[in-house]
Amino acid sequence: MRSVASFRTLSQAQSLRIALEAEGIRAVIHDEQAVSLVAGSVAVSVVDDRDYERARLLAARLEVPVALAGDDVLRCPRCNAENPGNFNACWRCQTDLTGRGDVGRVV
């Protein structure tokens, strides 16, 4: 068993696991219950090490967000990820994209 990627949220990890399994690559999520209790990272691993390279390629392809046609693209100043124009926070690192500095704060 070999770790392919780590994520901040369980939903991101589940998305990768589902995509891998759709390609015939058996994958598991580590610490699925623990991540919901504490802030941390959750890892997705392939069951068969021989699938590792294919899984990494698929994970890399999935890291690029899909912007809808006609949407502006915002580049994150922190991690350089491309984000659809209607995002307030970077999909990858959660950096504020509005310039207001209030993303994620309860007002």
PDB file of N, CA and C in Angstrom:
ATOM      1  N   MET A   1       0.848  -1.161   0.000  1.00  0.00           N
ATOM      2  CA  MET A   1       0.000   0.000   0.000  1.00  0.00           C
ATOM      3  C   MET A   1       0.901   1.234   0.000  1.00  0.00           C
ATOM      4  N   ARG A   2       0.568   2.200  -0.903  1.00  0.00           N
ATOM      5  CA  ARG A   2       1.418   3.374  -1.048  1.00  0.00           C
ATOM      6  C   ARG A   2       0.551   4.633  -1.154  1.00  0.00           C
ATOM      7  N   SER A   3       0.900   5.672  -0.394  1.00  0.00           N
ATOM      8  CA  SER A   3       0.138   6.915  -0.378  1.00  0.00           C
ATOM      9  C   SER A   3       0.320   7.686  -1.681  1.00  0.00           C
ATOM     10  N   VAL A   4      -0.796   8.120  -2.252  1.00  0.00           N
ATOM     11  CA  VAL A   4      -0.793   8.860  -3.512  1.00  0.00           C
ATOM     12  C   VAL A   4      -0.866  10.361  -3.264  1.00  0.00           C
ATOM     13  N   ALA A   5      -1.732  10.787  -2.350  1.00  0.00           N
ATOM     14  CA  ALA A   5      -1.925  12.215  -2.092  1.00  0.00           C
ATOM     15  C   ALA A   5      -2.544  12.412  -0.721  1.00  0.00           C
ATOM     16  N   SER A   6      -2.364  13.611  -0.174  1.00  0.00           N
ATOM     17  CA  SER A   6      -2.981  13.993   1.089  1.00  0.00           C
ATOM     18  C   SER A   6      -3.837  15.231   0.860  1.00  0.00           C
ATOM     19  N   PHE A   7      -4.912  15.323   1.612  1.00  0.00           N
ATOM     20  CA  PHE A   7      -5.852  16.425   1.458  1.00  0.00           C
ATOM     21  C   PHE A   7      -6.228  16.987   2.805  1.00  0.00           C
ATOM     22  N   ARG A   8      -6.735  18.223   2.805  1.00  0.00           N
ATOM     23  CA  ARG A   8      -7.201  18.864   4.034  1.00  0.00           C
ATOM     24  C   ARG A   8      -8.578  18.383   4.434  1.00  0.00           C
ATOM     25  N   THR A   9      -9.376  18.004   3.441  1.00  0.00           N
ATOM     26  CA  THR A   9     -10.753  17.607   3.761  1.00  0.00           C
ATOM     27  C   THR A   9     -11.033  16.191   3.289  1.00  0.00           C
ATOM     28  N   LEU A  10     -11.966  15.573   3.970  1.00  0.00           N
ATOM     29  CA  LEU A  10     -12.374  14.221   3.628  1.00  0.00           C
ATOM     30  C   LEU A  10     -13.032  14.188   2.247  1.00  0.00           C
ATOM     31  N   SER A  11     -13.801  15.215   1.909  1.00  0.00           N
ATOM     32  CA  SER A  11     -14.491  15.217   0.607  1.00  0.00           C
ATOM     33  C   SER A  11     -13.500  15.245  -0.550  1.00  0.00           C
ATOM     34  N   GLN A  12     -12.384  15.956  -0.404  1.00  0.00           N
ATOM     35  CA  GLN A  12     -11.356  15.965  -1.452  1.00  0.00           C
ATOM     36  C   GLN A  12     -10.749  14.572  -1.605  1.00  0.00           C
ATOM     37  N   ALA A  13     -10.475  13.935  -0.491  1.00  0.00           N
ATOM     38  CA  ALA A  13      -9.907  12.586  -0.523  1.00  0.00           C
ATOM     39  C   ALA A  13     -10.892  11.604  -1.147  1.00  0.00           C
ATOM     40  N   GLN A  14     -12.149  11.708  -0.782  1.00  0.00           N
ATOM     41  CA  GLN A  14     -13.163  10.822  -1.349  1.00  0.00           C
ATOM     42  C   GLN A  14     -13.282  11.008  -2.860  1.00  0.00           C
ATOM     43  N   SER A  15     -13.157  12.248  -3.323  1.00  0.00           N
ATOM     44  CA  SER A  15     -13.225  12.508  -4.768  1.00  0.00           C
ATOM     45  C   SER A  15     -12.114  11.778  -5.510  1.00  0.00           C
ATOM     46  N   LEU A  16     -10.903  11.837  -4.967  1.00  0.00           N
ATOM     47  CA  LEU A  16      -9.791  11.132  -5.610  1.00  0.00           C
ATOM     48  C   LEU A  16     -10.002   9.626  -5.556  1.00  0.00           C
ATOM     49  N   ARG A  17     -10.407   9.117  -4.401  1.00  0.00           N
ATOM     50  CA  ARG A  17     -10.626   7.664  -4.282  1.00  0.00           C
ATOM     51  C   ARG A  17     -11.657   7.187  -5.300  1.00  0.00           C
ATOM     52  N   ILE A  18     -12.737   7.916  -5.462  1.00  0.00           N
ATOM     53  CA  ILE A  18     -13.782   7.553  -6.426  1.00  0.00           C
ATOM     54  C   ILE A  18     -13.239   7.590  -7.845  1.00  0.00           C
ATOM     55  N   ALA A  19     -12.461   8.628  -8.170  1.00  0.00           N
ATOM     56  CA  ALA A  19     -11.877   8.736  -9.508  1.00  0.00           C
ATOM     57  C   ALA A  19     -10.915   7.586  -9.784  1.00  0.00           C
ATOM     58  N   LEU A  20     -10.117   7.221  -8.792  1.00  0.00           N
ATOM     59  CA  LEU A  20      -9.182   6.107  -8.967  1.00  0.00           C
ATOM     60  C   LEU A  20      -9.929   4.802  -9.194  1.00  0.00           C
ATOM     61  N   GLU A  21     -10.950   4.570  -8.389  1.00  0.00           N
ATOM     62  CA  GLU A  21     -11.704   3.331  -8.529  1.00  0.00           C
ATOM     63  C   GLU A  21     -12.460   3.276  -9.852  1.00  0.00           C
ATOM     64  N   ALA A  22     -12.860   4.427 -10.376  1.00  0.00           N
ATOM     65  CA  ALA A  22     -13.512   4.471 -11.686  1.00  0.00           C
ATOM     66  C   ALA A  22     -12.552   4.048 -12.795  1.00  0.00           C
ATOM     67  N   GLU A  23     -11.258   4.206 -12.529  1.00  0.00           N
ATOM     68  CA  GLU A  23     -10.225   3.793 -13.487  1.00  0.00           C
ATOM     69  C   GLU A  23      -9.718   2.384 -13.203  1.00  0.00           C
ATOM     70  N   GLY A  24     -10.354   1.689 -12.269  1.00  0.00           N
ATOM     71  CA  GLY A  24      -9.964   0.321 -11.949  1.00  0.00           C
ATOM     72  C   GLY A  24      -8.808   0.210 -10.977  1.00  0.00           C
ATOM     73  N   ILE A  25      -8.514   1.296 -10.262  1.00  0.00           N
ATOM     74  CA  ILE A  25      -7.425   1.305  -9.291  1.00  0.00           C
ATOM     75  C   ILE A  25      -8.030   1.260  -7.891  1.00  0.00           C
ATOM     76  N   ARG A  26      -7.781   0.174  -7.161  1.00  0.00           N
ATOM     77  CA  ARG A  26      -8.300   0.059  -5.789  1.00  0.00           C
ATOM     78  C   ARG A  26      -7.550   1.019  -4.882  1.00  0.00           C
ATOM     79  N   ALA A  27      -8.318   1.822  -4.110  1.00  0.00           N
ATOM     80  CA  ALA A  27      -7.715   2.821  -3.239  1.00  0.00           C
ATOM     81  C   ALA A  27      -8.460   2.879  -1.913  1.00  0.00           C
ATOM     82  N   VAL A  28      -7.756   3.343  -0.884  1.00  0.00           N
ATOM     83  CA  VAL A  28      -8.353   3.486   0.439  1.00  0.00           C
ATOM     84  C   VAL A  28      -8.009   4.862   0.992  1.00  0.00           C
ATOM     85  N   ILE A  29      -8.842   5.310   1.934  1.00  0.00           N
ATOM     86  CA  ILE A  29      -8.599   6.565   2.637  1.00  0.00           C
ATOM     87  C   ILE A  29      -8.176   6.213   4.060  1.00  0.00           C
ATOM     88  N   HIS A  30      -7.045   6.765   4.488  1.00  0.00           N
ATOM     89  CA  HIS A  30      -6.548   6.520   5.848  1.00  0.00           C
ATOM     90  C   HIS A  30      -7.166   7.512   6.819  1.00  0.00           C
ATOM     91  N   ASP A  31      -7.432   7.076   8.014  1.00  0.00           N
ATOM     92  CA  ASP A  31      -7.929   7.931   9.091  1.00  0.00           C
ATOM     93  C   ASP A  31      -9.212   8.662   8.721  1.00  0.00           C
ATOM     94  N   GLU A  32     -10.097   7.983   8.008  1.00  0.00           N
ATOM     95  CA  GLU A  32     -11.342   8.599   7.552  1.00  0.00           C
ATOM     96  C   GLU A  32     -12.183   9.105   8.727  1.00  0.00           C
ATOM     97  N   GLN A  33     -12.253   8.361   9.808  1.00  0.00           N
ATOM     98  CA  GLN A  33     -13.044   8.791  10.956  1.00  0.00           C
ATOM     99  C   GLN A  33     -12.317   9.874  11.751  1.00  0.00           C
ATOM    100  N   ALA A  34     -11.026   9.773  11.884  1.00  0.00           N
ATOM    101  CA  ALA A  34     -10.260  10.724  12.694  1.00  0.00           C
ATOM    102  C   ALA A  34     -10.256  12.114  12.090  1.00  0.00           C
ATOM    103  N   VAL A  35     -10.222  12.219  10.780  1.00  0.00           N
ATOM    104  CA  VAL A  35     -10.126  13.537  10.152  1.00  0.00           C
ATOM    105  C   VAL A  35     -11.360  14.378  10.411  1.00  0.00           C
ATOM    106  N   SER A  36     -12.496  13.754  10.620  1.00  0.00           N
ATOM    107  CA  SER A  36     -13.700  14.525  10.903  1.00  0.00           C
ATOM    108  C   SER A  36     -13.703  15.053  12.335  1.00  0.00           C
ATOM    109  N   LEU A  37     -12.867  14.493  13.196  1.00  0.00           N
ATOM    110  CA  LEU A  37     -12.821  14.914  14.592  1.00  0.00           C
ATOM    111  C   LEU A  37     -11.799  16.008  14.855  1.00  0.00           C
ATOM    112  N   VAL A  38     -10.708  15.987  14.101  1.00  0.00           N
ATOM    113  CA  VAL A  38      -9.644  16.969  14.307  1.00  0.00           C
ATOM    114  C   VAL A  38      -9.183  17.516  12.961  1.00  0.00           C
ATOM    115  N   ALA A  39      -8.662  18.730  12.983  1.00  0.00           N
ATOM    116  CA  ALA A  39      -8.111  19.301  11.749  1.00  0.00           C
ATOM    117  C   ALA A  39      -6.817  18.569  11.418  1.00  0.00           C
ATOM    118  N   GLY A  40      -6.637  18.236  10.179  1.00  0.00           N
ATOM    119  CA  GLY A  40      -5.434  17.531   9.782  1.00  0.00           C
ATOM    120  C   GLY A  40      -5.511  17.145   8.332  1.00  0.00           C
ATOM    121  N   SER A  41      -4.679  16.225   7.946  1.00  0.00           N
ATOM    122  CA  SER A  41      -4.723  15.792   6.562  1.00  0.00           C
ATOM    123  C   SER A  41      -5.167  14.335   6.500  1.00  0.00           C
ATOM    124  N   VAL A  42      -5.749  14.006   5.372  1.00  0.00           N
ATOM    125  CA  VAL A  42      -6.226  12.652   5.150  1.00  0.00           C
ATOM    126  C   VAL A  42      -5.571  12.143   3.874  1.00  0.00           C
ATOM    127  N   ALA A  43      -5.025  10.939   3.915  1.00  0.00           N
ATOM    128  CA  ALA A  43      -4.268  10.390   2.797  1.00  0.00           C
ATOM    129  C   ALA A  43      -5.087   9.369   2.025  1.00  0.00           C
ATOM    130  N   VAL A  44      -4.850   9.347   0.714  1.00  0.00           N
ATOM    131  CA  VAL A  44      -5.426   8.334  -0.165  1.00  0.00           C
ATOM    132  C   VAL A  44      -4.271   7.471  -0.647  1.00  0.00           C
ATOM    133  N   SER A  45      -4.430   6.155  -0.510  1.00  0.00           N
ATOM    134  CA  SER A  45      -3.381   5.220  -0.919  1.00  0.00           C
ATOM    135  C   SER A  45      -3.929   4.183  -1.879  1.00  0.00           C
ATOM    136  N   VAL A  46      -3.057   3.699  -2.757  1.00  0.00           N
ATOM    137  CA  VAL A  46      -3.434   2.596  -3.637  1.00  0.00           C
ATOM    138  C   VAL A  46      -3.171   1.295  -2.891  1.00  0.00           C
ATOM    139  N   VAL A  47      -4.031   0.332  -3.110  1.00  0.00           N
ATOM    140  CA  VAL A  47      -3.889  -0.968  -2.455  1.00  0.00           C
ATOM    141  C   VAL A  47      -2.732  -1.741  -3.071  1.00  0.00           C
ATOM    142  N   ASP A  48      -2.606  -1.684  -4.388  1.00  0.00           N
ATOM    143  CA  ASP A  48      -1.553  -2.396  -5.111  1.00  0.00           C
ATOM    144  C   ASP A  48      -0.488  -1.389  -5.546  1.00  0.00           C
ATOM    145  N   ASP A  49       0.723  -1.536  -5.044  1.00  0.00           N
ATOM    146  CA  ASP A  49       1.809  -0.604  -5.371  1.00  0.00           C
ATOM    147  C   ASP A  49       2.061  -0.468  -6.869  1.00  0.00           C
ATOM    148  N   ARG A  50       1.697  -1.481  -7.634  1.00  0.00           N
ATOM    149  CA  ARG A  50       1.909  -1.421  -9.088  1.00  0.00           C
ATOM    150  C   ARG A  50       1.026  -0.357  -9.743  1.00  0.00           C
ATOM    151  N   ASP A  51      -0.027   0.079  -9.064  1.00  0.00           N
ATOM    152  CA  ASP A  51      -0.917   1.113  -9.586  1.00  0.00           C
ATOM    153  C   ASP A  51      -0.479   2.527  -9.222  1.00  0.00           C
ATOM    154  N   TYR A  52       0.601   2.645  -8.465  1.00  0.00           N
ATOM    155  CA  TYR A  52       1.010   3.936  -7.927  1.00  0.00           C
ATOM    156  C   TYR A  52       1.238   4.999  -9.010  1.00  0.00           C
ATOM    157  N   GLU A  53       2.035   4.707 -10.010  1.00  0.00           N
ATOM    158  CA  GLU A  53       2.355   5.711 -11.043  1.00  0.00           C
ATOM    159  C   GLU A  53       1.102   6.159 -11.792  1.00  0.00           C
ATOM    160  N   ARG A  54       0.248   5.221 -12.156  1.00  0.00           N
ATOM    161  CA  ARG A  54      -1.010   5.567 -12.831  1.00  0.00           C
ATOM    162  C   ARG A  54      -1.884   6.430 -11.941  1.00  0.00           C
ATOM    163  N   ALA A  55      -1.921   6.102 -10.662  1.00  0.00           N
ATOM    164  CA  ALA A  55      -2.724   6.864  -9.702  1.00  0.00           C
ATOM    165  C   ALA A  55      -2.177   8.277  -9.545  1.00  0.00           C
ATOM    166  N   ARG A  56      -0.871   8.439  -9.483  1.00  0.00           N
ATOM    167  CA  ARG A  56      -0.267   9.776  -9.367  1.00  0.00           C
ATOM    168  C   ARG A  56      -0.580  10.625 -10.591  1.00  0.00           C
ATOM    169  N   LEU A  57      -0.536  10.027 -11.772  1.00  0.00           N
ATOM    170  CA  LEU A  57      -0.865  10.770 -12.991  1.00  0.00           C
ATOM    171  C   LEU A  57      -2.319  11.242 -12.964  1.00  0.00           C
ATOM    172  N   LEU A  58      -3.213  10.373 -12.552  1.00  0.00           N
ATOM    173  CA  LEU A  58      -4.626  10.739 -12.473  1.00  0.00           C
ATOM    174  C   LEU A  58      -4.827  11.825 -11.418  1.00  0.00           C
ATOM    175  N   ALA A  59      -4.187  11.707 -10.273  1.00  0.00           N
ATOM    176  CA  ALA A  59      -4.313  12.711  -9.210  1.00  0.00           C
ATOM    177  C   ALA A  59      -3.816  14.072  -9.703  1.00  0.00           C
ATOM    178  N   ALA A  60      -2.723  14.081 -10.447  1.00  0.00           N
ATOM    179  CA  ALA A  60      -2.183  15.336 -10.980  1.00  0.00           C
ATOM    180  C   ALA A  60      -3.159  15.973 -11.961  1.00  0.00           C
ATOM    181  N   ARG A  61      -3.779  15.163 -12.804  1.00  0.00           N
ATOM    182  CA  ARG A  61      -4.761  15.693 -13.759  1.00  0.00           C
ATOM    183  C   ARG A  61      -5.955  16.287 -13.031  1.00  0.00           C
ATOM    184  N   LEU A  62      -6.382  15.674 -11.944  1.00  0.00           N
ATOM    185  CA  LEU A  62      -7.563  16.127 -11.216  1.00  0.00           C
ATOM    186  C   LEU A  62      -7.307  17.372 -10.386  1.00  0.00           C
ATOM    187  N   GLU A  63      -6.055  17.719 -10.136  1.00  0.00           N
ATOM    188  CA  GLU A  63      -5.765  18.890  -9.321  1.00  0.00           C
ATOM    189  C   GLU A  63      -6.078  20.190 -10.033  1.00  0.00           C
ATOM    190  N   VAL A  64      -6.263  20.185 -11.345  1.00  0.00           N
ATOM    191  CA  VAL A  64      -6.593  21.394 -12.079  1.00  0.00           C
ATOM    192  C   VAL A  64      -8.104  21.557 -12.070  1.00  0.00           C
ATOM    193  N   PRO A  65      -8.610  22.638 -11.470  1.00  0.00           N
ATOM    194  CA  PRO A  65     -10.058  22.825 -11.424  1.00  0.00           C
ATOM    195  C   PRO A  65     -10.628  23.111 -12.798  1.00  0.00           C
ATOM    196  N   VAL A  66     -11.859  22.729 -13.012  1.00  0.00           N
ATOM    197  CA  VAL A  66     -12.532  22.983 -14.280  1.00  0.00           C
ATOM    198  C   VAL A  66     -13.282  24.295 -14.168  1.00  0.00           C
ATOM    199  N   ALA A  67     -12.933  25.258 -14.991  1.00  0.00           N
ATOM    200  CA  ALA A  67     -13.634  26.536 -15.019  1.00  0.00           C
ATOM    201  C   ALA A  67     -14.718  26.463 -16.087  1.00  0.00           C
ATOM    202  N   LEU A  68     -15.877  26.980 -15.782  1.00  0.00           N
ATOM    203  CA  LEU A  68     -16.955  26.993 -16.760  1.00  0.00           C
ATOM    204  C   LEU A  68     -16.620  27.959 -17.876  1.00  0.00           C
ATOM    205  N   ALA A  69     -17.076  27.654 -19.085  1.00  0.00           N
ATOM    206  CA  ALA A  69     -16.817  28.514 -20.240  1.00  0.00           C
ATOM    207  C   ALA A  69     -17.313  29.921 -19.953  1.00  0.00           C
ATOM    208  N   GLY A  70     -16.504  30.908 -20.259  1.00  0.00           N
ATOM    209  CA  GLY A  70     -16.893  32.293 -20.058  1.00  0.00           C
ATOM    210  C   GLY A  70     -16.536  32.835 -18.690  1.00  0.00           C
ATOM    211  N   ASP A  71     -16.174  31.987 -17.744  1.00  0.00           N
ATOM    212  CA  ASP A  71     -15.784  32.455 -16.418  1.00  0.00           C
ATOM    213  C   ASP A  71     -14.371  33.020 -16.464  1.00  0.00           C
ATOM    214  N   ASP A  72     -14.149  34.041 -15.653  1.00  0.00           N
ATOM    215  CA  ASP A  72     -12.794  34.540 -15.478  1.00  0.00           C
ATOM    216  C   ASP A  72     -12.026  33.514 -14.656  1.00  0.00           C
ATOM    217  N   VAL A  73     -10.721  33.532 -14.793  1.00  0.00           N
ATOM    218  CA  VAL A  73      -9.885  32.635 -14.002  1.00  0.00           C
ATOM    219  C   VAL A  73      -9.045  33.493 -13.075  1.00  0.00           C
ATOM    220  N   LEU A  74      -9.062  33.159 -11.797  1.00  0.00           N
ATOM    221  CA  LEU A  74      -8.256  33.847 -10.803  1.00  0.00           C
ATOM    222  C   LEU A  74      -7.076  32.968 -10.433  1.00  0.00           C
ATOM    223  N   ARG A  75      -5.884  33.533 -10.463  1.00  0.00           N
ATOM    224  CA  ARG A  75      -4.695  32.792 -10.065  1.00  0.00           C
ATOM    225  C   ARG A  75      -4.405  33.119  -8.606  1.00  0.00           C
ATOM    226  N   CYS A  76      -4.213  32.085  -7.804  1.00  0.00           N
ATOM    227  CA  CYS A  76      -3.960  32.263  -6.379  1.00  0.00           C
ATOM    228  C   CYS A  76      -2.582  32.889  -6.162  1.00  0.00           C
ATOM    229  N   PRO A  77      -2.513  33.958  -5.370  1.00  0.00           N
ATOM    230  CA  PRO A  77      -1.216  34.586  -5.119  1.00  0.00           C
ATOM    231  C   PRO A  77      -0.300  33.747  -4.228  1.00  0.00           C
ATOM    232  N   ARG A  78      -0.868  32.782  -3.526  1.00  0.00           N
ATOM    233  CA  ARG A  78      -0.071  31.966  -2.603  1.00  0.00           C
ATOM    234  C   ARG A  78       0.481  30.707  -3.272  1.00  0.00           C
ATOM    235  N   CYS A  79      -0.411  29.915  -3.936  1.00  0.00           N
ATOM    236  CA  CYS A  79       0.033  28.625  -4.482  1.00  0.00           C
ATOM    237  C   CYS A  79       0.006  28.571  -6.005  1.00  0.00           C
ATOM    238  N   ASN A  80      -0.451  29.655  -6.640  1.00  0.00           N
ATOM    239  CA  ASN A  80      -0.469  29.782  -8.098  1.00  0.00           C
ATOM    240  C   ASN A  80      -1.500  28.892  -8.795  1.00  0.00           C
ATOM    241  N   ALA A  81      -2.453  28.339  -8.048  1.00  0.00           N
ATOM    242  CA  ALA A  81      -3.492  27.499  -8.648  1.00  0.00           C
ATOM    243  C   ALA A  81      -4.496  28.370  -9.401  1.00  0.00           C
ATOM    244  N   GLU A  82      -5.052  27.839 -10.484  1.00  0.00           N
ATOM    245  CA  GLU A  82      -6.102  28.530 -11.214  1.00  0.00           C
ATOM    246  C   GLU A  82      -7.448  28.222 -10.570  1.00  0.00           C
ATOM    247  N   ASN A  83      -8.248  29.270 -10.354  1.00  0.00           N
ATOM    248  CA  ASN A  83      -9.555  29.147  -9.720  1.00  0.00           C
ATOM    249  C   ASN A  83     -10.609  29.788 -10.611  1.00  0.00           C
ATOM    250  N   PRO A  84     -11.814  29.210 -10.691  1.00  0.00           N
ATOM    251  CA  PRO A  84     -12.895  29.868 -11.426  1.00  0.00           C
ATOM    252  C   PRO A  84     -13.146  31.254 -10.845  1.00  0.00           C
ATOM    253  N   GLY A  85     -13.563  32.170 -11.691  1.00  0.00           N
ATOM    254  CA  GLY A  85     -13.730  33.563 -11.309  1.00  0.00           C
ATOM    255  C   GLY A  85     -14.719  33.822 -10.196  1.00  0.00           C
ATOM    256  N   ASN A  86     -15.633  32.899  -9.951  1.00  0.00           N
ATOM    257  CA  ASN A  86     -16.617  33.117  -8.895  1.00  0.00           C
ATOM    258  C   ASN A  86     -16.170  32.571  -7.540  1.00  0.00           C
ATOM    259  N   PHE A  87     -14.945  32.065  -7.422  1.00  0.00           N
ATOM    260  CA  PHE A  87     -14.453  31.547  -6.148  1.00  0.00           C
ATOM    261  C   PHE A  87     -14.003  32.705  -5.257  1.00  0.00           C
ATOM    262  N   ASN A  88     -14.282  32.601  -3.964  1.00  0.00           N
ATOM    263  CA  ASN A  88     -13.815  33.581  -2.981  1.00  0.00           C
ATOM    264  C   ASN A  88     -12.517  33.143  -2.330  1.00  0.00           C
ATOM    265  N   ALA A  89     -12.276  31.825  -2.347  1.00  0.00           N
ATOM    266  CA  ALA A  89     -11.069  31.264  -1.744  1.00  0.00           C
ATOM    267  C   ALA A  89     -10.478  30.239  -2.704  1.00  0.00           C
ATOM    268  N   CYS A  90      -9.171  30.103  -2.660  1.00  0.00           N
ATOM    269  CA  CYS A  90      -8.478  29.144  -3.516  1.00  0.00           C
ATOM    270  C   CYS A  90      -8.917  27.719  -3.169  1.00  0.00           C
ATOM    271  N   TRP A  91      -9.208  26.949  -4.183  1.00  0.00           N
ATOM    272  CA  TRP A  91      -9.651  25.564  -3.984  1.00  0.00           C
ATOM    273  C   TRP A  91      -8.537  24.718  -3.391  1.00  0.00           C
ATOM    274  N   ARG A  92      -7.281  25.082  -3.642  1.00  0.00           N
ATOM    275  CA  ARG A  92      -6.155  24.265  -3.189  1.00  0.00           C
ATOM    276  C   ARG A  92      -5.694  24.629  -1.775  1.00  0.00           C
ATOM    277  N   CYS A  93      -5.510  25.927  -1.497  1.00  0.00           N
ATOM    278  CA  CYS A  93      -4.907  26.311  -0.214  1.00  0.00           C
ATOM    279  C   CYS A  93      -5.797  27.202   0.644  1.00  0.00           C
ATOM    280  N   GLN A  94      -6.999  27.509   0.160  1.00  0.00           N
ATOM    281  CA  GLN A  94      -7.986  28.311   0.901  1.00  0.00           C
ATOM    282  C   GLN A  94      -7.583  29.765   1.105  1.00  0.00           C
ATOM    283  N   THR A  95      -6.616  30.270   0.324  1.00  0.00           N
ATOM    284  CA  THR A  95      -6.233  31.677   0.413  1.00  0.00           C
ATOM    285  C   THR A  95      -7.365  32.558  -0.096  1.00  0.00           C
ATOM    286  N   ASP A  96      -7.588  33.696   0.562  1.00  0.00           N
ATOM    287  CA  ASP A  96      -8.609  34.658   0.169  1.00  0.00           C
ATOM    288  C   ASP A  96      -8.302  35.190  -1.227  1.00  0.00           C
ATOM    289  N   LEU A  97      -9.272  35.131  -2.132  1.00  0.00           N
ATOM    290  CA  LEU A  97      -9.104  35.636  -3.495  1.00  0.00           C
ATOM    291  C   LEU A  97      -9.871  36.939  -3.723  1.00  0.00           C
ATOM    292  N   THR A  98     -10.565  37.412  -2.696  1.00  0.00           N
ATOM    293  CA  THR A  98     -11.406  38.604  -2.856  1.00  0.00           C
ATOM    294  C   THR A  98     -10.636  39.896  -2.579  1.00  0.00           C
ATOM    295  N   GLY A  99      -9.517  39.791  -1.864  1.00  0.00           N
ATOM    296  CA  GLY A  99      -8.786  40.977  -1.479  1.00  0.00           C
ATOM    297  C   GLY A  99      -9.326  41.602  -0.209  1.00  0.00           C
ATOM    298  N   ARG A 100     -10.426  41.062   0.313  1.00  0.00           N
ATOM    299  CA  ARG A 100     -11.023  41.613   1.536  1.00  0.00           C
ATOM    300  C   ARG A 100     -10.449  40.968   2.784  1.00  0.00           C
ATOM    301  N   GLY A 101      -9.885  39.792   2.645  1.00  0.00           N
ATOM    302  CA  GLY A 101      -9.310  39.110   3.799  1.00  0.00           C
ATOM    303  C   GLY A 101     -10.325  38.527   4.757  1.00  0.00           C
ATOM    304  N   ASP A 102     -11.579  38.373   4.306  1.00  0.00           N
ATOM    305  CA  ASP A 102     -12.630  37.893   5.221  1.00  0.00           C
ATOM    306  C   ASP A 102     -13.142  36.503   4.892  1.00  0.00           C
ATOM    307  N   VAL A 103     -12.495  35.790   3.998  1.00  0.00           N
ATOM    308  CA  VAL A 103     -12.938  34.455   3.636  1.00  0.00           C
ATOM    309  C   VAL A 103     -12.761  33.531   4.826  1.00  0.00           C
ATOM    310  N   GLY A 104     -13.796  32.813   5.160  1.00  0.00           N
ATOM    311  CA  GLY A 104     -13.730  31.849   6.241  1.00  0.00           C
ATOM    312  C   GLY A 104     -14.005  32.432   7.617  1.00  0.00           C
ATOM    313  N   ARG A 105     -14.137  33.757   7.720  1.00  0.00           N
ATOM    314  CA  ARG A 105     -14.425  34.373   9.001  1.00  0.00           C
ATOM    315  C   ARG A 105     -15.932  34.490   9.209  1.00  0.00           C
ATOM    316  N   VAL A 106     -16.357  34.313  10.426  1.00  0.00           N
ATOM    317  CA  VAL A 106     -17.756  34.506  10.766  1.00  0.00           C
ATOM    318  C   VAL A 106     -17.922  35.953  11.191  1.00  0.00           C
ATOM    319  N   VAL A 107     -18.812  36.671  10.523  1.00  0.00           N
ATOM    320  CA  VAL A 107     -19.014  38.096  10.808  1.00  0.00           C
ATOM    321  C   VAL A 107     -20.283  38.296  11.578  1.00  0.00           C
TER     322      VAL A 107
END
